[in-house]
Amino acid sequence: MDERLLATLVSRFYARVRQDPDLGPVFNRAITDWDQHLETLTAFWSALMLPPERLAGPRYKGNPMAAHLKHLQRLTPAMFDRWLALWSQTTAEVLPPEAAADALAKAARIATSLQLGLFYRPAA
């Protein structure tokens, strides 16, 4: 696996997201520069999936929670399930099986973390 393969994964995944009836309207409204977004997400997934010595492209410098908080009114917990389903489908198509399982496990942890940060409000 390398950054080129992860760029293919990210590009195919977000092509699906943009066409999805639930996720597409949210992402298409939130993202104004898709080329930049795909480059950022490729750097994000490369940092998660590749050992540091294999990183050749731009380094990820972002804050996923802050990025999602800006769109909190349009997000629901169910959207994270749909996002994971599309990610699972795309990773299975693009990555070798072991890498696909690793990418899916990491995405599931990210989805859980984001949902806790966005929606969890303990009773007082």
PDB file of N, CA and C in Angstrom:
ATOM      1  N   MET A   1       0.843  -1.176   0.000  1.00  0.00           N
ATOM      2  CA  MET A   1       0.000   0.000   0.000  1.00  0.00           C
ATOM      3  C   MET A   1       0.888   1.239   0.000  1.00  0.00           C
ATOM      4  N   ASP A   2       0.412   2.280  -0.711  1.00  0.00           N
ATOM      5  CA  ASP A   2       1.155   3.526  -0.762  1.00  0.00           C
ATOM      6  C   ASP A   2       0.166   4.690  -0.883  1.00  0.00           C
ATOM      7  N   GLU A   3       0.708   5.894  -0.947  1.00  0.00           N
ATOM      8  CA  GLU A   3      -0.151   7.075  -0.998  1.00  0.00           C
ATOM      9  C   GLU A   3      -1.003   7.115  -2.268  1.00  0.00           C
ATOM     10  N   ARG A   4      -0.471   6.600  -3.349  1.00  0.00           N
ATOM     11  CA  ARG A   4      -1.241   6.589  -4.599  1.00  0.00           C
ATOM     12  C   ARG A   4      -2.509   5.741  -4.442  1.00  0.00           C
ATOM     13  N   LEU A   5      -2.370   4.580  -3.814  1.00  0.00           N
ATOM     14  CA  LEU A   5      -3.526   3.712  -3.598  1.00  0.00           C
ATOM     15  C   LEU A   5      -4.521   4.375  -2.629  1.00  0.00           C
ATOM     16  N   LEU A   6      -3.997   5.040  -1.606  1.00  0.00           N
ATOM     17  CA  LEU A   6      -4.887   5.739  -0.679  1.00  0.00           C
ATOM     18  C   LEU A   6      -5.584   6.913  -1.362  1.00  0.00           C
ATOM     19  N   ALA A   7      -4.912   7.574  -2.291  1.00  0.00           N
ATOM     20  CA  ALA A   7      -5.560   8.651  -3.054  1.00  0.00           C
ATOM     21  C   ALA A   7      -6.699   8.085  -3.892  1.00  0.00           C
ATOM     22  N   THR A   8      -6.506   6.911  -4.476  1.00  0.00           N
ATOM     23  CA  THR A   8      -7.577   6.253  -5.232  1.00  0.00           C
ATOM     24  C   THR A   8      -8.743   5.926  -4.301  1.00  0.00           C
ATOM     25  N   LEU A   9      -8.433   5.376  -3.148  1.00  0.00           N
ATOM     26  CA  LEU A   9      -9.472   5.055  -2.164  1.00  0.00           C
ATOM     27  C   LEU A   9     -10.274   6.298  -1.789  1.00  0.00           C
ATOM     28  N   VAL A  10      -9.592   7.351  -1.416  1.00  0.00           N
ATOM     29  CA  VAL A  10     -10.260   8.582  -0.985  1.00  0.00           C
ATOM     30  C   VAL A  10     -11.111   9.165  -2.121  1.00  0.00           C
ATOM     31  N   SER A  11     -10.565   9.173  -3.318  1.00  0.00           N
ATOM     32  CA  SER A  11     -11.303   9.717  -4.460  1.00  0.00           C
ATOM     33  C   SER A  11     -12.582   8.911  -4.741  1.00  0.00           C
ATOM     34  N   ARG A  12     -12.479   7.602  -4.746  1.00  0.00           N
ATOM     35  CA  ARG A  12     -13.675   6.764  -4.990  1.00  0.00           C
ATOM     36  C   ARG A  12     -14.687   6.883  -3.860  1.00  0.00           C
ATOM     37  N   PHE A  13     -14.189   6.915  -2.640  1.00  0.00           N
ATOM     38  CA  PHE A  13     -15.090   7.024  -1.499  1.00  0.00           C
ATOM     39  C   PHE A  13     -15.882   8.333  -1.560  1.00  0.00           C
ATOM     40  N   TYR A  14     -15.195   9.440  -1.780  1.00  0.00           N
ATOM     41  CA  TYR A  14     -15.915  10.715  -1.791  1.00  0.00           C
ATOM     42  C   TYR A  14     -16.764  10.899  -3.043  1.00  0.00           C
ATOM     43  N   ALA A  15     -16.445  10.219  -4.121  1.00  0.00           N
ATOM     44  CA  ALA A  15     -17.358  10.228  -5.280  1.00  0.00           C
ATOM     45  C   ALA A  15     -18.687   9.586  -4.868  1.00  0.00           C
ATOM     46  N   ARG A  16     -18.622   8.511  -4.086  1.00  0.00           N
ATOM     47  CA  ARG A  16     -19.841   7.869  -3.587  1.00  0.00           C
ATOM     48  C   ARG A  16     -20.570   8.770  -2.595  1.00  0.00           C
ATOM     49  N   VAL A  17     -19.804   9.365  -1.689  1.00  0.00           N
ATOM     50  CA  VAL A  17     -20.408  10.250  -0.683  1.00  0.00           C
ATOM     51  C   VAL A  17     -21.168  11.376  -1.385  1.00  0.00           C
ATOM     52  N   ARG A  18     -20.568  11.957  -2.389  1.00  0.00           N
ATOM     53  CA  ARG A  18     -21.202  13.091  -3.084  1.00  0.00           C
ATOM     54  C   ARG A  18     -22.502  12.689  -3.771  1.00  0.00           C
ATOM     55  N   GLN A  19     -22.615  11.424  -4.153  1.00  0.00           N
ATOM     56  CA  GLN A  19     -23.828  10.942  -4.824  1.00  0.00           C
ATOM     57  C   GLN A  19     -24.864  10.385  -3.855  1.00  0.00           C
ATOM     58  N   ASP A  20     -24.476  10.163  -2.628  1.00  0.00           N
ATOM     59  CA  ASP A  20     -25.369   9.550  -1.649  1.00  0.00           C
ATOM     60  C   ASP A  20     -26.507  10.514  -1.292  1.00  0.00           C
ATOM     61  N   PRO A  21     -27.759  10.007  -1.259  1.00  0.00           N
ATOM     62  CA  PRO A  21     -28.888  10.907  -0.982  1.00  0.00           C
ATOM     63  C   PRO A  21     -28.877  11.509   0.419  1.00  0.00           C
ATOM     64  N   ASP A  22     -28.251  10.835   1.377  1.00  0.00           N
ATOM     65  CA  ASP A  22     -28.206  11.382   2.739  1.00  0.00           C
ATOM     66  C   ASP A  22     -26.942  12.217   2.979  1.00  0.00           C
ATOM     67  N   LEU A  23     -25.808  11.690   2.586  1.00  0.00           N
ATOM     68  CA  LEU A  23     -24.538  12.364   2.859  1.00  0.00           C
ATOM     69  C   LEU A  23     -24.195  13.441   1.832  1.00  0.00           C
ATOM     70  N   GLY A  24     -24.577  13.217   0.600  1.00  0.00           N
ATOM     71  CA  GLY A  24     -24.199  14.130  -0.474  1.00  0.00           C
ATOM     72  C   GLY A  24     -24.565  15.585  -0.220  1.00  0.00           C
ATOM     73  N   PRO A  25     -25.811  15.862   0.168  1.00  0.00           N
ATOM     74  CA  PRO A  25     -26.161  17.277   0.387  1.00  0.00           C
ATOM     75  C   PRO A  25     -25.320  17.944   1.474  1.00  0.00           C
ATOM     76  N   VAL A  26     -24.984  17.210   2.506  1.00  0.00           N
ATOM     77  CA  VAL A  26     -24.182  17.784   3.596  1.00  0.00           C
ATOM     78  C   VAL A  26     -22.759  18.074   3.109  1.00  0.00           C
ATOM     79  N   PHE A  27     -22.144  17.080   2.478  1.00  0.00           N
ATOM     80  CA  PHE A  27     -20.763  17.263   2.025  1.00  0.00           C
ATOM     81  C   PHE A  27     -20.679  18.279   0.886  1.00  0.00           C
ATOM     82  N   ASN A  28     -21.611  18.211  -0.046  1.00  0.00           N
ATOM     83  CA  ASN A  28     -21.544  19.129  -1.184  1.00  0.00           C
ATOM     84  C   ASN A  28     -21.740  20.575  -0.759  1.00  0.00           C
ATOM     85  N   ARG A  29     -22.476  20.790   0.313  1.00  0.00           N
ATOM     86  CA  ARG A  29     -22.653  22.150   0.834  1.00  0.00           C
ATOM     87  C   ARG A  29     -21.423  22.585   1.641  1.00  0.00           C
ATOM     88  N   ALA A  30     -20.822  21.636   2.365  1.00  0.00           N
ATOM     89  CA  ALA A  30     -19.710  21.980   3.255  1.00  0.00           C
ATOM     90  C   ALA A  30     -18.382  22.147   2.515  1.00  0.00           C
ATOM     91  N   ILE A  31     -18.177  21.388   1.449  1.00  0.00           N
ATOM     92  CA  ILE A  31     -16.881  21.387   0.751  1.00  0.00           C
ATOM     93  C   ILE A  31     -16.980  22.277  -0.488  1.00  0.00           C
ATOM     94  N   THR A  32     -16.167  23.301  -0.527  1.00  0.00           N
ATOM     95  CA  THR A  32     -16.186  24.207  -1.686  1.00  0.00           C
ATOM     96  C   THR A  32     -15.059  23.902  -2.671  1.00  0.00           C
ATOM     97  N   ASP A  33     -13.987  23.298  -2.195  1.00  0.00           N
ATOM     98  CA  ASP A  33     -12.850  22.957  -3.067  1.00  0.00           C
ATOM     99  C   ASP A  33     -12.580  21.456  -2.914  1.00  0.00           C
ATOM    100  N   TRP A  34     -13.173  20.669  -3.802  1.00  0.00           N
ATOM    101  CA  TRP A  34     -13.056  19.212  -3.676  1.00  0.00           C
ATOM    102  C   TRP A  34     -11.635  18.722  -3.929  1.00  0.00           C
ATOM    103  N   ASP A  35     -10.919  19.369  -4.832  1.00  0.00           N
ATOM    104  CA  ASP A  35      -9.529  18.940  -5.070  1.00  0.00           C
ATOM    105  C   ASP A  35      -8.708  19.082  -3.791  1.00  0.00           C
ATOM    106  N   GLN A  36      -8.845  20.213  -3.114  1.00  0.00           N
ATOM    107  CA  GLN A  36      -8.127  20.435  -1.863  1.00  0.00           C
ATOM    108  C   GLN A  36      -8.587  19.452  -0.788  1.00  0.00           C
ATOM    109  N   HIS A  37      -9.901  19.216  -0.714  1.00  0.00           N
ATOM    110  CA  HIS A  37     -10.425  18.297   0.297  1.00  0.00           C
ATOM    111  C   HIS A  37      -9.890  16.881   0.090  1.00  0.00           C
ATOM    112  N   LEU A  38      -9.859  16.432  -1.146  1.00  0.00           N
ATOM    113  CA  LEU A  38      -9.337  15.089  -1.427  1.00  0.00           C
ATOM    114  C   LEU A  38      -7.853  14.998  -1.092  1.00  0.00           C
ATOM    115  N   GLU A  39      -7.110  16.054  -1.357  1.00  0.00           N
ATOM    116  CA  GLU A  39      -5.690  16.062  -0.995  1.00  0.00           C
ATOM    117  C   GLU A  39      -5.528  16.017   0.531  1.00  0.00           C
ATOM    118  N   THR A  40      -6.346  16.788   1.238  1.00  0.00           N
ATOM    119  CA  THR A  40      -6.285  16.796   2.707  1.00  0.00           C
ATOM    120  C   THR A  40      -6.635  15.431   3.267  1.00  0.00           C
ATOM    121  N   LEU A  41      -7.694  14.808   2.748  1.00  0.00           N
ATOM    122  CA  LEU A  41      -8.106  13.504   3.271  1.00  0.00           C
ATOM    123  C   LEU A  41      -7.143  12.393   2.868  1.00  0.00           C
ATOM    124  N   THR A  42      -6.496  12.531   1.735  1.00  0.00           N
ATOM    125  CA  THR A  42      -5.452  11.561   1.377  1.00  0.00           C
ATOM    126  C   THR A  42      -4.282  11.677   2.353  1.00  0.00           C
ATOM    127  N   ALA A  43      -3.905  12.902   2.706  1.00  0.00           N
ATOM    128  CA  ALA A  43      -2.837  13.095   3.700  1.00  0.00           C
ATOM    129  C   ALA A  43      -3.271  12.533   5.055  1.00  0.00           C
ATOM    130  N   PHE A  44      -4.540  12.736   5.418  1.00  0.00           N
ATOM    131  CA  PHE A  44      -5.060  12.216   6.681  1.00  0.00           C
ATOM    132  C   PHE A  44      -4.956  10.693   6.723  1.00  0.00           C
ATOM    133  N   TRP A  45      -5.462  10.039   5.683  1.00  0.00           N
ATOM    134  CA  TRP A  45      -5.454   8.571   5.668  1.00  0.00           C
ATOM    135  C   TRP A  45      -4.047   8.008   5.494  1.00  0.00           C
ATOM    136  N   SER A  46      -3.187   8.727   4.787  1.00  0.00           N
ATOM    137  CA  SER A  46      -1.797   8.285   4.662  1.00  0.00           C
ATOM    138  C   SER A  46      -1.111   8.299   6.015  1.00  0.00           C
ATOM    139  N   ALA A  47      -1.369   9.352   6.809  1.00  0.00           N
ATOM    140  CA  ALA A  47      -0.769   9.440   8.142  1.00  0.00           C
ATOM    141  C   ALA A  47      -1.259   8.307   9.036  1.00  0.00           C
ATOM    142  N   LEU A  48      -2.504   7.886   8.854  1.00  0.00           N
ATOM    143  CA  LEU A  48      -3.062   6.804   9.660  1.00  0.00           C
ATOM    144  C   LEU A  48      -2.620   5.420   9.199  1.00  0.00           C
ATOM    145  N   MET A  49      -2.431   5.249   7.917  1.00  0.00           N
ATOM    146  CA  MET A  49      -2.247   3.907   7.355  1.00  0.00           C
ATOM    147  C   MET A  49      -0.809   3.560   7.003  1.00  0.00           C
ATOM    148  N   LEU A  50       0.041   4.559   6.815  1.00  0.00           N
ATOM    149  CA  LEU A  50       1.395   4.275   6.333  1.00  0.00           C
ATOM    150  C   LEU A  50       2.420   4.570   7.413  1.00  0.00           C
ATOM    151  N   PRO A  51       3.505   3.798   7.450  1.00  0.00           N
ATOM    152  CA  PRO A  51       4.587   4.145   8.367  1.00  0.00           C
ATOM    153  C   PRO A  51       5.220   5.464   7.919  1.00  0.00           C
ATOM    154  N   PRO A  52       5.748   6.245   8.881  1.00  0.00           N
ATOM    155  CA  PRO A  52       6.279   7.579   8.546  1.00  0.00           C
ATOM    156  C   PRO A  52       7.296   7.581   7.406  1.00  0.00           C
ATOM    157  N   GLU A  53       8.120   6.554   7.313  1.00  0.00           N
ATOM    158  CA  GLU A  53       9.137   6.540   6.264  1.00  0.00           C
ATOM    159  C   GLU A  53       8.553   6.370   4.861  1.00  0.00           C
ATOM    160  N   ARG A  54       7.278   6.015   4.782  1.00  0.00           N
ATOM    161  CA  ARG A  54       6.645   5.854   3.461  1.00  0.00           C
ATOM    162  C   ARG A  54       5.788   7.051   3.077  1.00  0.00           C
ATOM    163  N   LEU A  55       5.723   8.071   3.924  1.00  0.00           N
ATOM    164  CA  LEU A  55       4.940   9.265   3.609  1.00  0.00           C
ATOM    165  C   LEU A  55       5.750  10.174   2.702  1.00  0.00           C
ATOM    166  N   ALA A  56       5.230  10.450   1.526  1.00  0.00           N
ATOM    167  CA  ALA A  56       5.937  11.304   0.576  1.00  0.00           C
ATOM    168  C   ALA A  56       5.157  12.580   0.284  1.00  0.00           C
ATOM    169  N   GLY A  57       3.854  12.537   0.438  1.00  0.00           N
ATOM    170  CA  GLY A  57       3.021  13.683   0.094  1.00  0.00           C
ATOM    171  C   GLY A  57       2.880  14.654   1.243  1.00  0.00           C
ATOM    172  N   PRO A  58       1.934  15.589   1.102  1.00  0.00           N
ATOM    173  CA  PRO A  58       1.742  16.581   2.162  1.00  0.00           C
ATOM    174  C   PRO A  58       1.306  15.919   3.463  1.00  0.00           C
ATOM    175  N   ARG A  59       1.727  16.498   4.583  1.00  0.00           N
ATOM    176  CA  ARG A  59       1.368  15.994   5.906  1.00  0.00           C
ATOM    177  C   ARG A  59       0.014  16.567   6.310  1.00  0.00           C
ATOM    178  N   TYR A  60      -0.771  15.750   6.988  1.00  0.00           N
ATOM    179  CA  TYR A  60      -2.073  16.208   7.464  1.00  0.00           C
ATOM    180  C   TYR A  60      -1.886  17.159   8.631  1.00  0.00           C
ATOM    181  N   LYS A  61      -2.508  18.305   8.544  1.00  0.00           N
ATOM    182  CA  LYS A  61      -2.502  19.283   9.630  1.00  0.00           C
ATOM    183  C   LYS A  61      -3.931  19.799   9.755  1.00  0.00           C
ATOM    184  N   GLY A  62      -4.715  19.120  10.540  1.00  0.00           N
ATOM    185  CA  GLY A  62      -6.100  19.549  10.664  1.00  0.00           C
ATOM    186  C   GLY A  62      -6.695  19.106  11.969  1.00  0.00           C
ATOM    187  N   ASN A  63      -7.950  19.458  12.149  1.00  0.00           N
ATOM    188  CA  ASN A  63      -8.685  19.115  13.357  1.00  0.00           C
ATOM    189  C   ASN A  63     -10.062  18.600  12.931  1.00  0.00           C
ATOM    190  N   PRO A  64     -10.190  17.268  12.791  1.00  0.00           N
ATOM    191  CA  PRO A  64     -11.466  16.725  12.299  1.00  0.00           C
ATOM    192  C   PRO A  64     -12.666  17.123  13.162  1.00  0.00           C
ATOM    193  N   MET A  65     -12.495  17.179  14.479  1.00  0.00           N
ATOM    194  CA  MET A  65     -13.637  17.541  15.328  1.00  0.00           C
ATOM    195  C   MET A  65     -14.094  18.966  15.028  1.00  0.00           C
ATOM    196  N   ALA A  66     -13.181  19.893  14.947  1.00  0.00           N
ATOM    197  CA  ALA A  66     -13.548  21.280  14.651  1.00  0.00           C
ATOM    198  C   ALA A  66     -14.222  21.371  13.280  1.00  0.00           C
ATOM    199  N   ALA A  67     -13.717  20.623  12.329  1.00  0.00           N
ATOM    200  CA  ALA A  67     -14.317  20.641  10.989  1.00  0.00           C
ATOM    201  C   ALA A  67     -15.756  20.141  11.021  1.00  0.00           C
ATOM    202  N   HIS A  68     -16.027  19.129  11.829  1.00  0.00           N
ATOM    203  CA  HIS A  68     -17.385  18.585  11.902  1.00  0.00           C
ATOM    204  C   HIS A  68     -18.303  19.441  12.766  1.00  0.00           C
ATOM    205  N   LEU A  69     -17.765  20.070  13.791  1.00  0.00           N
ATOM    206  CA  LEU A  69     -18.601  20.928  14.649  1.00  0.00           C
ATOM    207  C   LEU A  69     -19.228  22.071  13.865  1.00  0.00           C
ATOM    208  N   LYS A  70     -18.562  22.535  12.844  1.00  0.00           N
ATOM    209  CA  LYS A  70     -19.109  23.634  12.035  1.00  0.00           C
ATOM    210  C   LYS A  70     -20.406  23.246  11.337  1.00  0.00           C
ATOM    211  N   HIS A  71     -20.647  21.940  11.214  1.00  0.00           N
ATOM    212  CA  HIS A  71     -21.820  21.463  10.473  1.00  0.00           C
ATOM    213  C   HIS A  71     -22.749  20.641  11.360  1.00  0.00           C
ATOM    214  N   LEU A  72     -22.665  20.856  12.644  1.00  0.00           N
ATOM    215  CA  LEU A  72     -23.407  20.043  13.603  1.00  0.00           C
ATOM    216  C   LEU A  72     -24.912  20.031  13.340  1.00  0.00           C
ATOM    217  N   GLN A  73     -25.477  21.145  12.953  1.00  0.00           N
ATOM    218  CA  GLN A  73     -26.937  21.192  12.739  1.00  0.00           C
ATOM    219  C   GLN A  73     -27.394  20.275  11.616  1.00  0.00           C
ATOM    220  N   ARG A  74     -26.511  19.930  10.705  1.00  0.00           N
ATOM    221  CA  ARG A  74     -26.894  19.109   9.552  1.00  0.00           C
ATOM    222  C   ARG A  74     -26.497  17.642   9.728  1.00  0.00           C
ATOM    223  N   LEU A  75     -25.805  17.317  10.833  1.00  0.00           N
ATOM    224  CA  LEU A  75     -25.320  15.951  11.037  1.00  0.00           C
ATOM    225  C   LEU A  75     -26.231  15.182  11.991  1.00  0.00           C
ATOM    226  N   THR A  76     -26.336  13.870  11.746  1.00  0.00           N
ATOM    227  CA  THR A  76     -27.061  12.972  12.648  1.00  0.00           C
ATOM    228  C   THR A  76     -26.192  11.740  12.904  1.00  0.00           C
ATOM    229  N   PRO A  77     -26.421  11.055  14.025  1.00  0.00           N
ATOM    230  CA  PRO A  77     -25.665   9.813  14.254  1.00  0.00           C
ATOM    231  C   PRO A  77     -25.836   8.792  13.122  1.00  0.00           C
ATOM    232  N   ALA A  78     -27.007   8.704  12.529  1.00  0.00           N
ATOM    233  CA  ALA A  78     -27.233   7.742  11.446  1.00  0.00           C
ATOM    234  C   ALA A  78     -26.331   8.008  10.246  1.00  0.00           C
ATOM    235  N   MET A  79     -25.961   9.253  10.037  1.00  0.00           N
ATOM    236  CA  MET A  79     -25.080   9.577   8.914  1.00  0.00           C
ATOM    237  C   MET A  79     -23.716   8.910   9.075  1.00  0.00           C
ATOM    238  N   PHE A  80     -23.274   8.720  10.299  1.00  0.00           N
ATOM    239  CA  PHE A  80     -21.984   8.056  10.523  1.00  0.00           C
ATOM    240  C   PHE A  80     -22.071   6.576  10.157  1.00  0.00           C
ATOM    241  N   ASP A  81     -23.218   5.957  10.383  1.00  0.00           N
ATOM    242  CA  ASP A  81     -23.402   4.562   9.953  1.00  0.00           C
ATOM    243  C   ASP A  81     -23.334   4.462   8.430  1.00  0.00           C
ATOM    244  N   ARG A  82     -23.981   5.388   7.746  1.00  0.00           N
ATOM    245  CA  ARG A  82     -23.959   5.390   6.289  1.00  0.00           C
ATOM    246  C   ARG A  82     -22.544   5.640   5.774  1.00  0.00           C
ATOM    247  N   TRP A  83     -21.853   6.584   6.400  1.00  0.00           N
ATOM    248  CA  TRP A  83     -20.466   6.902   6.033  1.00  0.00           C
ATOM    249  C   TRP A  83     -19.594   5.655   6.170  1.00  0.00           C
ATOM    250  N   LEU A  84     -19.765   4.927   7.271  1.00  0.00           N
ATOM    251  CA  LEU A  84     -18.984   3.708   7.471  1.00  0.00           C
ATOM    252  C   LEU A  84     -19.339   2.625   6.447  1.00  0.00           C
ATOM    253  N   ALA A  85     -20.612   2.514   6.100  1.00  0.00           N
ATOM    254  CA  ALA A  85     -21.018   1.510   5.100  1.00  0.00           C
ATOM    255  C   ALA A  85     -20.359   1.806   3.756  1.00  0.00           C
ATOM    256  N   LEU A  86     -20.345   3.068   3.356  1.00  0.00           N
ATOM    257  CA  LEU A  86     -19.698   3.431   2.082  1.00  0.00           C
ATOM    258  C   LEU A  86     -18.179   3.230   2.164  1.00  0.00           C
ATOM    259  N   TRP A  87     -17.612   3.547   3.314  1.00  0.00           N
ATOM    260  CA  TRP A  87     -16.165   3.336   3.509  1.00  0.00           C
ATOM    261  C   TRP A  87     -15.839   1.854   3.421  1.00  0.00           C
ATOM    262  N   SER A  88     -16.649   1.025   4.064  1.00  0.00           N
ATOM    263  CA  SER A  88     -16.438  -0.423   4.035  1.00  0.00           C
ATOM    264  C   SER A  88     -16.489  -0.950   2.604  1.00  0.00           C
ATOM    265  N   GLN A  89     -17.488  -0.523   1.862  1.00  0.00           N
ATOM    266  CA  GLN A  89     -17.642  -0.949   0.470  1.00  0.00           C
ATOM    267  C   GLN A  89     -16.421  -0.536  -0.358  1.00  0.00           C
ATOM    268  N   THR A  90     -15.976   0.687  -0.185  1.00  0.00           N
ATOM    269  CA  THR A  90     -14.885   1.207  -1.010  1.00  0.00           C
ATOM    270  C   THR A  90     -13.547   0.602  -0.610  1.00  0.00           C
ATOM    271  N   THR A  91     -13.296   0.459   0.680  1.00  0.00           N
ATOM    272  CA  THR A  91     -12.022  -0.147   1.090  1.00  0.00           C
ATOM    273  C   THR A  91     -11.933  -1.593   0.597  1.00  0.00           C
ATOM    274  N   ALA A  92     -13.054  -2.313   0.634  1.00  0.00           N
ATOM    275  CA  ALA A  92     -13.044  -3.703   0.158  1.00  0.00           C
ATOM    276  C   ALA A  92     -12.733  -3.783  -1.333  1.00  0.00           C
ATOM    277  N   GLU A  93     -13.138  -2.781  -2.079  1.00  0.00           N
ATOM    278  CA  GLU A  93     -12.893  -2.768  -3.525  1.00  0.00           C
ATOM    279  C   GLU A  93     -11.473  -2.334  -3.883  1.00  0.00           C
ATOM    280  N   VAL A  94     -10.906  -1.438  -3.085  1.00  0.00           N
ATOM    281  CA  VAL A  94      -9.642  -0.798  -3.479  1.00  0.00           C
ATOM    282  C   VAL A  94      -8.416  -1.402  -2.792  1.00  0.00           C
ATOM    283  N   LEU A  95      -8.550  -1.775  -1.522  1.00  0.00           N
ATOM    284  CA  LEU A  95      -7.380  -2.201  -0.746  1.00  0.00           C
ATOM    285  C   LEU A  95      -7.301  -3.717  -0.655  1.00  0.00           C
ATOM    286  N   PRO A  96      -6.086  -4.225  -0.415  1.00  0.00           N
ATOM    287  CA  PRO A  96      -5.958  -5.654  -0.100  1.00  0.00           C
ATOM    288  C   PRO A  96      -6.760  -5.946   1.167  1.00  0.00           C
ATOM    289  N   PRO A  97      -7.243  -7.175   1.354  1.00  0.00           N
ATOM    290  CA  PRO A  97      -8.155  -7.481   2.472  1.00  0.00           C
ATOM    291  C   PRO A  97      -7.652  -7.061   3.850  1.00  0.00           C
ATOM    292  N   GLU A  98      -6.395  -7.315   4.164  1.00  0.00           N
ATOM    293  CA  GLU A  98      -5.880  -6.953   5.493  1.00  0.00           C
ATOM    294  C   GLU A  98      -5.859  -5.443   5.675  1.00  0.00           C
ATOM    295  N   ALA A  99      -5.473  -4.716   4.667  1.00  0.00           N
ATOM    296  CA  ALA A  99      -5.446  -3.250   4.742  1.00  0.00           C
ATOM    297  C   ALA A  99      -6.867  -2.697   4.807  1.00  0.00           C
ATOM    298  N   ALA A 100      -7.793  -3.322   4.080  1.00  0.00           N
ATOM    299  CA  ALA A 100      -9.193  -2.883   4.126  1.00  0.00           C
ATOM    300  C   ALA A 100      -9.754  -3.051   5.533  1.00  0.00           C
ATOM    301  N   ALA A 101      -9.453  -4.166   6.171  1.00  0.00           N
ATOM    302  CA  ALA A 101      -9.934  -4.388   7.538  1.00  0.00           C
ATOM    303  C   ALA A 101      -9.327  -3.361   8.493  1.00  0.00           C
ATOM    304  N   ASP A 102      -8.055  -3.056   8.326  1.00  0.00           N
ATOM    305  CA  ASP A 102      -7.391  -2.056   9.168  1.00  0.00           C
ATOM    306  C   ASP A 102      -8.013  -0.677   8.946  1.00  0.00           C
ATOM    307  N   ALA A 103      -8.231  -0.302   7.703  1.00  0.00           N
ATOM    308  CA  ALA A 103      -8.823   1.006   7.398  1.00  0.00           C
ATOM    309  C   ALA A 103     -10.248   1.098   7.944  1.00  0.00           C
ATOM    310  N   LEU A 104     -10.985  -0.001   7.882  1.00  0.00           N
ATOM    311  CA  LEU A 104     -12.355   0.013   8.411  1.00  0.00           C
ATOM    312  C   LEU A 104     -12.348   0.133   9.935  1.00  0.00           C
ATOM    313  N   ALA A 105     -11.439  -0.566  10.598  1.00  0.00           N
ATOM    314  CA  ALA A 105     -11.354  -0.465  12.061  1.00  0.00           C
ATOM    315  C   ALA A 105     -10.992   0.956  12.483  1.00  0.00           C
ATOM    316  N   LYS A 106     -10.068   1.568  11.771  1.00  0.00           N
ATOM    317  CA  LYS A 106      -9.686   2.949  12.101  1.00  0.00           C
ATOM    318  C   LYS A 106     -10.844   3.909  11.836  1.00  0.00           C
ATOM    319  N   ALA A 107     -11.548   3.715  10.748  1.00  0.00           N
ATOM    320  CA  ALA A 107     -12.697   4.579  10.448  1.00  0.00           C
ATOM    321  C   ALA A 107     -13.783   4.425  11.507  1.00  0.00           C
ATOM    322  N   ALA A 108     -14.000   3.201  11.978  1.00  0.00           N
ATOM    323  CA  ALA A 108     -15.016   2.981  13.013  1.00  0.00           C
ATOM    324  C   ALA A 108     -14.639   3.718  14.299  1.00  0.00           C
ATOM    325  N   ARG A 109     -13.367   3.699  14.652  1.00  0.00           N
ATOM    326  CA  ARG A 109     -12.924   4.442  15.855  1.00  0.00           C
ATOM    327  C   ARG A 109     -13.095   5.949  15.657  1.00  0.00           C
ATOM    328  N   ILE A 110     -12.782   6.424  14.484  1.00  0.00           N
ATOM    329  CA  ILE A 110     -12.952   7.852  14.193  1.00  0.00           C
ATOM    330  C   ILE A 110     -14.431   8.231  14.279  1.00  0.00           C
ATOM    331  N   ALA A 111     -15.286   7.418  13.689  1.00  0.00           N
ATOM    332  CA  ALA A 111     -16.734   7.703  13.721  1.00  0.00           C
ATOM    333  C   ALA A 111     -17.251   7.725  15.158  1.00  0.00           C
ATOM    334  N   THR A 112     -16.815   6.768  15.957  1.00  0.00           N
ATOM    335  CA  THR A 112     -17.243   6.736  17.367  1.00  0.00           C
ATOM    336  C   THR A 112     -16.768   7.984  18.100  1.00  0.00           C
ATOM    337  N   SER A 113     -15.522   8.342  17.907  1.00  0.00           N
ATOM    338  CA  SER A 113     -14.963   9.515  18.564  1.00  0.00           C
ATOM    339  C   SER A 113     -15.703  10.788  18.151  1.00  0.00           C
ATOM    340  N   LEU A 114     -15.942  10.940  16.864  1.00  0.00           N
ATOM    341  CA  LEU A 114     -16.657  12.130  16.397  1.00  0.00           C
ATOM    342  C   LEU A 114     -18.084  12.167  16.948  1.00  0.00           C
ATOM    343  N   GLN A 115     -18.748  11.015  16.944  1.00  0.00           N
ATOM    344  CA  GLN A 115     -20.128  10.992  17.463  1.00  0.00           C
ATOM    345  C   GLN A 115     -20.167  11.342  18.948  1.00  0.00           C
ATOM    346  N   LEU A 116     -19.218  10.838  19.717  1.00  0.00           N
ATOM    347  CA  LEU A 116     -19.181  11.186  21.134  1.00  0.00           C
ATOM    348  C   LEU A 116     -18.963  12.693  21.308  1.00  0.00           C
ATOM    349  N   GLY A 117     -18.055  13.246  20.552  1.00  0.00           N
ATOM    350  CA  GLY A 117     -17.781  14.679  20.657  1.00  0.00           C
ATOM    351  C   GLY A 117     -18.924  15.545  20.178  1.00  0.00           C
ATOM    352  N   LEU A 118     -19.627  15.078  19.178  1.00  0.00           N
ATOM    353  CA  LEU A 118     -20.701  15.890  18.588  1.00  0.00           C
ATOM    354  C   LEU A 118     -22.036  15.728  19.310  1.00  0.00           C
ATOM    355  N   PHE A 119     -22.357  14.510  19.762  1.00  0.00           N
ATOM    356  CA  PHE A 119     -23.726  14.237  20.210  1.00  0.00           C
ATOM    357  C   PHE A 119     -23.861  13.842  21.671  1.00  0.00           C
ATOM    358  N   TYR A 120     -22.803  13.414  22.321  1.00  0.00           N
ATOM    359  CA  TYR A 120     -22.932  12.919  23.697  1.00  0.00           C
ATOM    360  C   TYR A 120     -23.083  14.083  24.667  1.00  0.00           C
ATOM    361  N   ARG A 121     -24.181  14.112  25.334  1.00  0.00           N
ATOM    362  CA  ARG A 121     -24.444  15.137  26.341  1.00  0.00           C
ATOM    363  C   ARG A 121     -24.955  14.421  27.587  1.00  0.00           C
ATOM    364  N   PRO A 122     -24.071  14.157  28.551  1.00  0.00           N
ATOM    365  CA  PRO A 122     -24.500  13.420  29.748  1.00  0.00           C
ATOM    366  C   PRO A 122     -25.553  14.219  30.528  1.00  0.00           C
ATOM    367  N   ALA A 123     -26.437  13.461  31.157  1.00  0.00           N
ATOM    368  CA  ALA A 123     -27.465  14.108  31.978  1.00  0.00           C
ATOM    369  C   ALA A 123     -26.792  14.790  33.165  1.00  0.00           C
ATOM    370  N   ALA A 124     -27.308  15.905  33.538  1.00  0.00           N
ATOM    371  CA  ALA A 124     -26.723  16.671  34.654  1.00  0.00           C
ATOM    372  C   ALA A 124     -27.024  16.014  35.985  1.00  0.00           C
TER     373      ALA A 124
END
